[in-house]
Amino acid sequence: MESINDSHREYIKIIRRLTPEEKLKKCFELNELTKQLFLTGLKNRFPNLSQEEIKKLYLKRINKCHNLDY
Protein backbone atom coordinates (compact mmCIF):
# COMPACT_ATOMS: atom_id res chain seq x y z
CA MET A 1 0.00 0.00 0.00
CA GLU A 2 1.31 3.42 -0.96
CA SER A 3 1.98 5.76 1.96
CA ILE A 4 0.88 9.36 2.18
CA ASN A 5 4.50 10.48 1.87
CA ASP A 6 4.90 8.47 -1.35
CA SER A 7 1.71 9.99 -2.76
CA HIS A 8 2.86 13.47 -1.75
CA ARG A 9 6.25 12.97 -3.41
CA GLU A 10 4.57 11.83 -6.61
CA TYR A 11 2.21 14.83 -6.51
CA ILE A 12 5.18 17.20 -6.12
CA LYS A 13 6.91 15.57 -9.10
CA ILE A 14 3.79 16.09 -11.20
CA ILE A 15 3.41 19.72 -10.10
CA ARG A 16 7.05 20.45 -10.91
CA ARG A 17 6.52 19.26 -14.49
CA LEU A 18 3.67 21.71 -15.05
CA THR A 19 4.26 24.91 -16.97
CA PRO A 20 3.78 28.19 -15.07
CA GLU A 21 0.48 28.62 -16.89
CA GLU A 22 -0.69 25.14 -15.84
CA LYS A 23 0.39 25.82 -12.24
CA LEU A 24 -1.66 29.00 -12.17
CA LYS A 25 -4.66 27.16 -13.60
CA LYS A 26 -4.24 24.47 -10.92
CA CYS A 27 -4.11 27.20 -8.27
CA PHE A 28 -7.46 28.59 -9.44
CA GLU A 29 -8.96 25.09 -9.55
CA LEU A 30 -7.84 24.37 -5.99
CA ASN A 31 -9.14 27.74 -4.84
CA GLU A 32 -12.57 27.00 -6.32
CA LEU A 33 -12.57 23.50 -4.79
CA THR A 34 -11.74 24.98 -1.38
CA LYS A 35 -14.54 27.53 -1.71
CA GLN A 36 -17.06 24.83 -2.65
CA LEU A 37 -15.97 22.59 0.23
CA PHE A 38 -16.32 25.50 2.66
CA LEU A 39 -19.79 26.38 1.35
CA THR A 40 -20.90 22.75 1.46
CA GLY A 41 -19.68 22.49 5.04
CA LEU A 42 -21.64 25.59 6.02
CA LYS A 43 -24.78 24.28 4.30
CA ASN A 44 -24.43 20.96 6.12
CA ARG A 45 -23.79 22.63 9.46
CA PHE A 46 -26.59 25.18 9.07
CA PRO A 47 -29.25 23.44 6.94
CA ASN A 48 -31.98 25.92 7.92
CA LEU A 49 -30.18 28.98 6.53
CA SER A 50 -31.17 30.43 3.17
CA GLN A 51 -28.69 30.75 0.28
CA GLU A 52 -28.34 34.45 1.09
CA GLU A 53 -27.66 33.73 4.77
CA ILE A 54 -25.07 31.08 3.82
CA LYS A 55 -23.38 33.59 1.52
CA LYS A 56 -23.27 36.22 4.28
CA LEU A 57 -21.89 33.69 6.77
CA TYR A 58 -19.29 32.54 4.21
CA LEU A 59 -18.12 36.12 3.61
CA LYS A 60 -18.02 36.84 7.35
CA ARG A 61 -15.88 33.77 8.01
CA ILE A 62 -13.60 34.38 5.02
CA ASN A 63 -13.07 37.93 6.25
CA LYS A 64 -11.74 36.51 9.54
CA CYS A 65 -9.03 34.67 7.56
CA HIS A 66 -7.47 37.82 6.15
CA ASN A 67 -4.33 39.16 7.75
CA LEU A 68 -5.40 42.61 8.85
CA ASP A 69 -1.78 43.80 9.10
CA TYR A 70 -1.67 44.53 5.37
PDB file of N, CA and C in Angstrom:
ATOM      1  N   MET A   1       0.850  -1.185   0.000  1.00  0.00           N
ATOM      2  CA  MET A   1       0.000   0.000   0.000  1.00  0.00           C
ATOM      3  C   MET A   1       0.894   1.246   0.000  1.00  0.00           C
ATOM      4  N   GLU A   2       0.533   2.201  -0.816  1.00  0.00           N
ATOM      5  CA  GLU A   2       1.312   3.423  -0.955  1.00  0.00           C
ATOM      6  C   GLU A   2       1.056   4.343   0.241  1.00  0.00           C
ATOM      7  N   SER A   3       2.136   4.875   0.812  1.00  0.00           N
ATOM      8  CA  SER A   3       1.984   5.758   1.964  1.00  0.00           C
ATOM      9  C   SER A   3       1.640   7.171   1.506  1.00  0.00           C
ATOM     10  N   ILE A   4       1.197   7.963   2.471  1.00  0.00           N
ATOM     11  CA  ILE A   4       0.877   9.360   2.176  1.00  0.00           C
ATOM     12  C   ILE A   4       2.117  10.090   1.685  1.00  0.00           C
ATOM     13  N   ASN A   5       3.268   9.818   2.293  1.00  0.00           N
ATOM     14  CA  ASN A   5       4.496  10.478   1.867  1.00  0.00           C
ATOM     15  C   ASN A   5       4.846  10.133   0.425  1.00  0.00           C
ATOM     16  N   ASP A   6       4.643   8.861   0.032  1.00  0.00           N
ATOM     17  CA  ASP A   6       4.904   8.470  -1.349  1.00  0.00           C
ATOM     18  C   ASP A   6       3.958   9.201  -2.301  1.00  0.00           C
ATOM     19  N   SER A   7       2.703   9.278  -1.934  1.00  0.00           N
ATOM     20  CA  SER A   7       1.713   9.985  -2.759  1.00  0.00           C
ATOM     21  C   SER A   7       2.072  11.467  -2.863  1.00  0.00           C
ATOM     22  N   HIS A   8       2.488  12.055  -1.753  1.00  0.00           N
ATOM     23  CA  HIS A   8       2.858  13.470  -1.749  1.00  0.00           C
ATOM     24  C   HIS A   8       4.074  13.714  -2.642  1.00  0.00           C
ATOM     25  N   ARG A   9       5.055  12.839  -2.554  1.00  0.00           N
ATOM     26  CA  ARG A   9       6.247  12.972  -3.406  1.00  0.00           C
ATOM     27  C   ARG A   9       5.869  12.893  -4.881  1.00  0.00           C
ATOM     28  N   GLU A  10       5.000  11.972  -5.218  1.00  0.00           N
ATOM     29  CA  GLU A  10       4.569  11.834  -6.611  1.00  0.00           C
ATOM     30  C   GLU A  10       3.806  13.075  -7.064  1.00  0.00           C
ATOM     31  N   TYR A  11       2.960  13.604  -6.196  1.00  0.00           N
ATOM     32  CA  TYR A  11       2.210  14.826  -6.508  1.00  0.00           C
ATOM     33  C   TYR A  11       3.171  15.989  -6.772  1.00  0.00           C
ATOM     34  N   ILE A  12       4.186  16.125  -5.939  1.00  0.00           N
ATOM     35  CA  ILE A  12       5.180  17.197  -6.119  1.00  0.00           C
ATOM     36  C   ILE A  12       5.900  17.040  -7.447  1.00  0.00           C
ATOM     37  N   LYS A  13       6.249  15.813  -7.803  1.00  0.00           N
ATOM     38  CA  LYS A  13       6.906  15.568  -9.102  1.00  0.00           C
ATOM     39  C   LYS A  13       6.011  16.029 -10.252  1.00  0.00           C
ATOM     40  N   ILE A  14       4.732  15.707 -10.142  1.00  0.00           N
ATOM     41  CA  ILE A  14       3.787  16.093 -11.195  1.00  0.00           C
ATOM     42  C   ILE A  14       3.663  17.609 -11.272  1.00  0.00           C
ATOM     43  N   ILE A  15       3.534  18.255 -10.130  1.00  0.00           N
ATOM     44  CA  ILE A  15       3.411  19.717 -10.100  1.00  0.00           C
ATOM     45  C   ILE A  15       4.651  20.383 -10.687  1.00  0.00           C
ATOM     46  N   ARG A  16       5.812  19.868 -10.392  1.00  0.00           N
ATOM     47  CA  ARG A  16       7.051  20.449 -10.915  1.00  0.00           C
ATOM     48  C   ARG A  16       7.145  20.375 -12.427  1.00  0.00           C
ATOM     49  N   ARG A  17       6.483  19.397 -13.026  1.00  0.00           N
ATOM     50  CA  ARG A  17       6.520  19.258 -14.487  1.00  0.00           C
ATOM     51  C   ARG A  17       5.543  20.194 -15.194  1.00  0.00           C
ATOM     52  N   LEU A  18       4.646  20.801 -14.450  1.00  0.00           N
ATOM     53  CA  LEU A  18       3.672  21.707 -15.053  1.00  0.00           C
ATOM     54  C   LEU A  18       4.339  23.008 -15.500  1.00  0.00           C
ATOM     55  N   THR A  19       3.800  23.591 -16.539  1.00  0.00           N
ATOM     56  CA  THR A  19       4.263  24.909 -16.968  1.00  0.00           C
ATOM     57  C   THR A  19       3.734  25.947 -15.979  1.00  0.00           C
ATOM     58  N   PRO A  20       4.313  27.144 -15.955  1.00  0.00           N
ATOM     59  CA  PRO A  20       3.777  28.194 -15.073  1.00  0.00           C
ATOM     60  C   PRO A  20       2.284  28.447 -15.316  1.00  0.00           C
ATOM     61  N   GLU A  21       1.892  28.409 -16.564  1.00  0.00           N
ATOM     62  CA  GLU A  21       0.476  28.623 -16.891  1.00  0.00           C
ATOM     63  C   GLU A  21      -0.399  27.507 -16.301  1.00  0.00           C
ATOM     64  N   GLU A  22       0.057  26.269 -16.394  1.00  0.00           N
ATOM     65  CA  GLU A  22      -0.690  25.143 -15.837  1.00  0.00           C
ATOM     66  C   GLU A  22      -0.739  25.213 -14.312  1.00  0.00           C
ATOM     67  N   LYS A  23       0.361  25.669 -13.703  1.00  0.00           N
ATOM     68  CA  LYS A  23       0.390  25.817 -12.241  1.00  0.00           C
ATOM     69  C   LYS A  23      -0.615  26.863 -11.785  1.00  0.00           C
ATOM     70  N   LEU A  24      -0.695  27.958 -12.513  1.00  0.00           N
ATOM     71  CA  LEU A  24      -1.658  29.005 -12.166  1.00  0.00           C
ATOM     72  C   LEU A  24      -3.087  28.483 -12.320  1.00  0.00           C
ATOM     73  N   LYS A  25      -3.338  27.753 -13.400  1.00  0.00           N
ATOM     74  CA  LYS A  25      -4.659  27.162 -13.602  1.00  0.00           C
ATOM     75  C   LYS A  25      -4.991  26.218 -12.447  1.00  0.00           C
ATOM     76  N   LYS A  26      -4.022  25.399 -12.033  1.00  0.00           N
ATOM     77  CA  LYS A  26      -4.237  24.470 -10.917  1.00  0.00           C
ATOM     78  C   LYS A  26      -4.544  25.240  -9.634  1.00  0.00           C
ATOM     79  N   CYS A  27      -3.873  26.365  -9.436  1.00  0.00           N
ATOM     80  CA  CYS A  27      -4.113  27.204  -8.267  1.00  0.00           C
ATOM     81  C   CYS A  27      -5.565  27.677  -8.235  1.00  0.00           C
ATOM     82  N   PHE A  28      -6.065  28.138  -9.371  1.00  0.00           N
ATOM     83  CA  PHE A  28      -7.456  28.591  -9.443  1.00  0.00           C
ATOM     84  C   PHE A  28      -8.426  27.437  -9.212  1.00  0.00           C
ATOM     85  N   GLU A  29      -8.102  26.258  -9.757  1.00  0.00           N
ATOM     86  CA  GLU A  29      -8.962  25.090  -9.554  1.00  0.00           C
ATOM     87  C   GLU A  29      -9.021  24.707  -8.074  1.00  0.00           C
ATOM     88  N   LEU A  30      -7.874  24.710  -7.413  1.00  0.00           N
ATOM     89  CA  LEU A  30      -7.838  24.366  -5.992  1.00  0.00           C
ATOM     90  C   LEU A  30      -8.558  25.410  -5.150  1.00  0.00           C
ATOM     91  N   ASN A  31      -8.434  26.672  -5.545  1.00  0.00           N
ATOM     92  CA  ASN A  31      -9.140  27.741  -4.841  1.00  0.00           C
ATOM     93  C   ASN A  31     -10.657  27.545  -4.946  1.00  0.00           C
ATOM     94  N   GLU A  32     -11.139  27.217  -6.129  1.00  0.00           N
ATOM     95  CA  GLU A  32     -12.569  26.996  -6.321  1.00  0.00           C
ATOM     96  C   GLU A  32     -13.030  25.767  -5.545  1.00  0.00           C
ATOM     97  N   LEU A  33     -12.225  24.704  -5.551  1.00  0.00           N
ATOM     98  CA  LEU A  33     -12.568  23.499  -4.787  1.00  0.00           C
ATOM     99  C   LEU A  33     -12.682  23.823  -3.301  1.00  0.00           C
ATOM    100  N   THR A  34     -11.725  24.596  -2.785  1.00  0.00           N
ATOM    101  CA  THR A  34     -11.743  24.978  -1.376  1.00  0.00           C
ATOM    102  C   THR A  34     -12.993  25.782  -1.045  1.00  0.00           C
ATOM    103  N   LYS A  35     -13.338  26.704  -1.916  1.00  0.00           N
ATOM    104  CA  LYS A  35     -14.542  27.526  -1.709  1.00  0.00           C
ATOM    105  C   LYS A  35     -15.791  26.639  -1.659  1.00  0.00           C
ATOM    106  N   GLN A  36     -15.893  25.708  -2.602  1.00  0.00           N
ATOM    107  CA  GLN A  36     -17.061  24.834  -2.651  1.00  0.00           C
ATOM    108  C   GLN A  36     -17.133  23.921  -1.428  1.00  0.00           C
ATOM    109  N   LEU A  37     -15.992  23.418  -0.976  1.00  0.00           N
ATOM    110  CA  LEU A  37     -15.974  22.590   0.229  1.00  0.00           C
ATOM    111  C   LEU A  37     -16.415  23.392   1.453  1.00  0.00           C
ATOM    112  N   PHE A  38     -15.944  24.623   1.542  1.00  0.00           N
ATOM    113  CA  PHE A  38     -16.316  25.500   2.655  1.00  0.00           C
ATOM    114  C   PHE A  38     -17.822  25.759   2.641  1.00  0.00           C
ATOM    115  N   LEU A  39     -18.356  26.110   1.462  1.00  0.00           N
ATOM    116  CA  LEU A  39     -19.792  26.382   1.351  1.00  0.00           C
ATOM    117  C   LEU A  39     -20.620  25.138   1.667  1.00  0.00           C
ATOM    118  N   THR A  40     -20.186  24.002   1.180  1.00  0.00           N
ATOM    119  CA  THR A  40     -20.897  22.749   1.455  1.00  0.00           C
ATOM    120  C   THR A  40     -20.894  22.452   2.950  1.00  0.00           C
ATOM    121  N   GLY A  41     -19.754  22.685   3.597  1.00  0.00           N
ATOM    122  CA  GLY A  41     -19.676  22.492   5.042  1.00  0.00           C
ATOM    123  C   GLY A  41     -20.623  23.398   5.793  1.00  0.00           C
ATOM    124  N   LEU A  42     -20.707  24.657   5.374  1.00  0.00           N
ATOM    125  CA  LEU A  42     -21.636  25.593   6.021  1.00  0.00           C
ATOM    126  C   LEU A  42     -23.087  25.159   5.808  1.00  0.00           C
ATOM    127  N   LYS A  43     -23.412  24.720   4.593  1.00  0.00           N
ATOM    128  CA  LYS A  43     -24.778  24.276   4.305  1.00  0.00           C
ATOM    129  C   LYS A  43     -25.144  23.052   5.141  1.00  0.00           C
ATOM    130  N   ASN A  44     -24.183  22.154   5.312  1.00  0.00           N
ATOM    131  CA  ASN A  44     -24.434  20.959   6.124  1.00  0.00           C
ATOM    132  C   ASN A  44     -24.570  21.298   7.605  1.00  0.00           C
ATOM    133  N   ARG A  45     -23.767  22.249   8.045  1.00  0.00           N
ATOM    134  CA  ARG A  45     -23.790  22.628   9.460  1.00  0.00           C
ATOM    135  C   ARG A  45     -25.008  23.475   9.808  1.00  0.00           C
ATOM    136  N   PHE A  46     -25.457  24.275   8.855  1.00  0.00           N
ATOM    137  CA  PHE A  46     -26.588  25.175   9.069  1.00  0.00           C
ATOM    138  C   PHE A  46     -27.652  24.947   7.989  1.00  0.00           C
ATOM    139  N   PRO A  47     -28.311  23.786   8.012  1.00  0.00           N
ATOM    140  CA  PRO A  47     -29.253  23.443   6.937  1.00  0.00           C
ATOM    141  C   PRO A  47     -30.485  24.345   6.868  1.00  0.00           C
ATOM    142  N   ASN A  48     -30.783  25.069   7.918  1.00  0.00           N
ATOM    143  CA  ASN A  48     -31.978  25.916   7.917  1.00  0.00           C
ATOM    144  C   ASN A  48     -31.734  27.318   7.370  1.00  0.00           C
ATOM    145  N   LEU A  49     -30.475  27.644   7.067  1.00  0.00           N
ATOM    146  CA  LEU A  49     -30.181  28.977   6.532  1.00  0.00           C
ATOM    147  C   LEU A  49     -30.487  29.040   5.040  1.00  0.00           C
ATOM    148  N   SER A  50     -30.914  30.212   4.597  1.00  0.00           N
ATOM    149  CA  SER A  50     -31.168  30.433   3.171  1.00  0.00           C
ATOM    150  C   SER A  50     -29.834  30.584   2.438  1.00  0.00           C
ATOM    151  N   GLN A  51     -29.893  30.543   1.096  1.00  0.00           N
ATOM    152  CA  GLN A  51     -28.687  30.749   0.285  1.00  0.00           C
ATOM    153  C   GLN A  51     -28.030  32.084   0.629  1.00  0.00           C
ATOM    154  N   GLU A  52     -28.858  33.111   0.780  1.00  0.00           N
ATOM    155  CA  GLU A  52     -28.345  34.445   1.089  1.00  0.00           C
ATOM    156  C   GLU A  52     -27.660  34.460   2.457  1.00  0.00           C
ATOM    157  N   GLU A  53     -28.260  33.790   3.438  1.00  0.00           N
ATOM    158  CA  GLU A  53     -27.656  33.732   4.771  1.00  0.00           C
ATOM    159  C   GLU A  53     -26.348  32.934   4.755  1.00  0.00           C
ATOM    160  N   ILE A  54     -26.308  31.869   3.961  1.00  0.00           N
ATOM    161  CA  ILE A  54     -25.072  31.081   3.818  1.00  0.00           C
ATOM    162  C   ILE A  54     -23.985  31.956   3.201  1.00  0.00           C
ATOM    163  N   LYS A  55     -24.349  32.709   2.177  1.00  0.00           N
ATOM    164  CA  LYS A  55     -23.380  33.590   1.515  1.00  0.00           C
ATOM    165  C   LYS A  55     -22.828  34.629   2.501  1.00  0.00           C
ATOM    166  N   LYS A  56     -23.704  35.224   3.298  1.00  0.00           N
ATOM    167  CA  LYS A  56     -23.268  36.220   4.284  1.00  0.00           C
ATOM    168  C   LYS A  56     -22.349  35.578   5.325  1.00  0.00           C
ATOM    169  N   LEU A  57     -22.712  34.393   5.788  1.00  0.00           N
ATOM    170  CA  LEU A  57     -21.890  33.686   6.768  1.00  0.00           C
ATOM    171  C   LEU A  57     -20.531  33.318   6.170  1.00  0.00           C
ATOM    172  N   TYR A  58     -20.533  32.868   4.933  1.00  0.00           N
ATOM    173  CA  TYR A  58     -19.294  32.541   4.213  1.00  0.00           C
ATOM    174  C   TYR A  58     -18.379  33.772   4.154  1.00  0.00           C
ATOM    175  N   LEU A  59     -18.934  34.894   3.731  1.00  0.00           N
ATOM    176  CA  LEU A  59     -18.125  36.118   3.612  1.00  0.00           C
ATOM    177  C   LEU A  59     -17.608  36.580   4.969  1.00  0.00           C
ATOM    178  N   LYS A  60     -18.440  36.454   5.998  1.00  0.00           N
ATOM    179  CA  LYS A  60     -18.025  36.838   7.350  1.00  0.00           C
ATOM    180  C   LYS A  60     -16.849  35.974   7.812  1.00  0.00           C
ATOM    181  N   ARG A  61     -16.940  34.678   7.566  1.00  0.00           N
ATOM    182  CA  ARG A  61     -15.879  33.769   8.010  1.00  0.00           C
ATOM    183  C   ARG A  61     -14.616  33.923   7.172  1.00  0.00           C
ATOM    184  N   ILE A  62     -14.772  34.155   5.886  1.00  0.00           N
ATOM    185  CA  ILE A  62     -13.603  34.380   5.023  1.00  0.00           C
ATOM    186  C   ILE A  62     -12.887  35.652   5.454  1.00  0.00           C
ATOM    187  N   ASN A  63     -13.660  36.664   5.819  1.00  0.00           N
ATOM    188  CA  ASN A  63     -13.073  37.928   6.255  1.00  0.00           C
ATOM    189  C   ASN A  63     -12.188  37.730   7.483  1.00  0.00           C
ATOM    190  N   LYS A  64     -12.549  36.790   8.350  1.00  0.00           N
ATOM    191  CA  LYS A  64     -11.737  36.508   9.539  1.00  0.00           C
ATOM    192  C   LYS A  64     -10.385  35.902   9.176  1.00  0.00           C
ATOM    193  N   CYS A  65     -10.277  35.329   7.979  1.00  0.00           N
ATOM    194  CA  CYS A  65      -9.034  34.669   7.560  1.00  0.00           C
ATOM    195  C   CYS A  65      -7.988  35.658   7.055  1.00  0.00           C
ATOM    196  N   HIS A  66      -8.410  36.849   6.709  1.00  0.00           N
ATOM    197  CA  HIS A  66      -7.466  37.819   6.146  1.00  0.00           C
ATOM    198  C   HIS A  66      -6.552  38.368   7.234  1.00  0.00           C
ATOM    199  N   ASN A  67      -5.297  38.538   6.859  1.00  0.00           N
ATOM    200  CA  ASN A  67      -4.331  39.156   7.750  1.00  0.00           C
ATOM    201  C   ASN A  67      -4.585  40.656   7.719  1.00  0.00           C
ATOM    202  N   LEU A  68      -5.026  41.199   8.813  1.00  0.00           N
ATOM    203  CA  LEU A  68      -5.402  42.612   8.851  1.00  0.00           C
ATOM    204  C   LEU A  68      -4.199  43.544   9.009  1.00  0.00           C
ATOM    205  N   ASP A  69      -2.987  42.975   8.998  1.00  0.00           N
ATOM    206  CA  ASP A  69      -1.785  43.798   9.105  1.00  0.00           C
ATOM    207  C   ASP A  69      -1.394  44.422   7.773  1.00  0.00           C
ATOM    208  N   TYR A  70      -2.035  44.003   6.682  1.00  0.00           N
ATOM    209  CA  TYR A  70      -1.670  44.532   5.365  1.00  0.00           C
ATOM    210  C   TYR A  70      -2.472  45.740   5.033  1.00  0.00           C
TER     211      TYR A  70
END
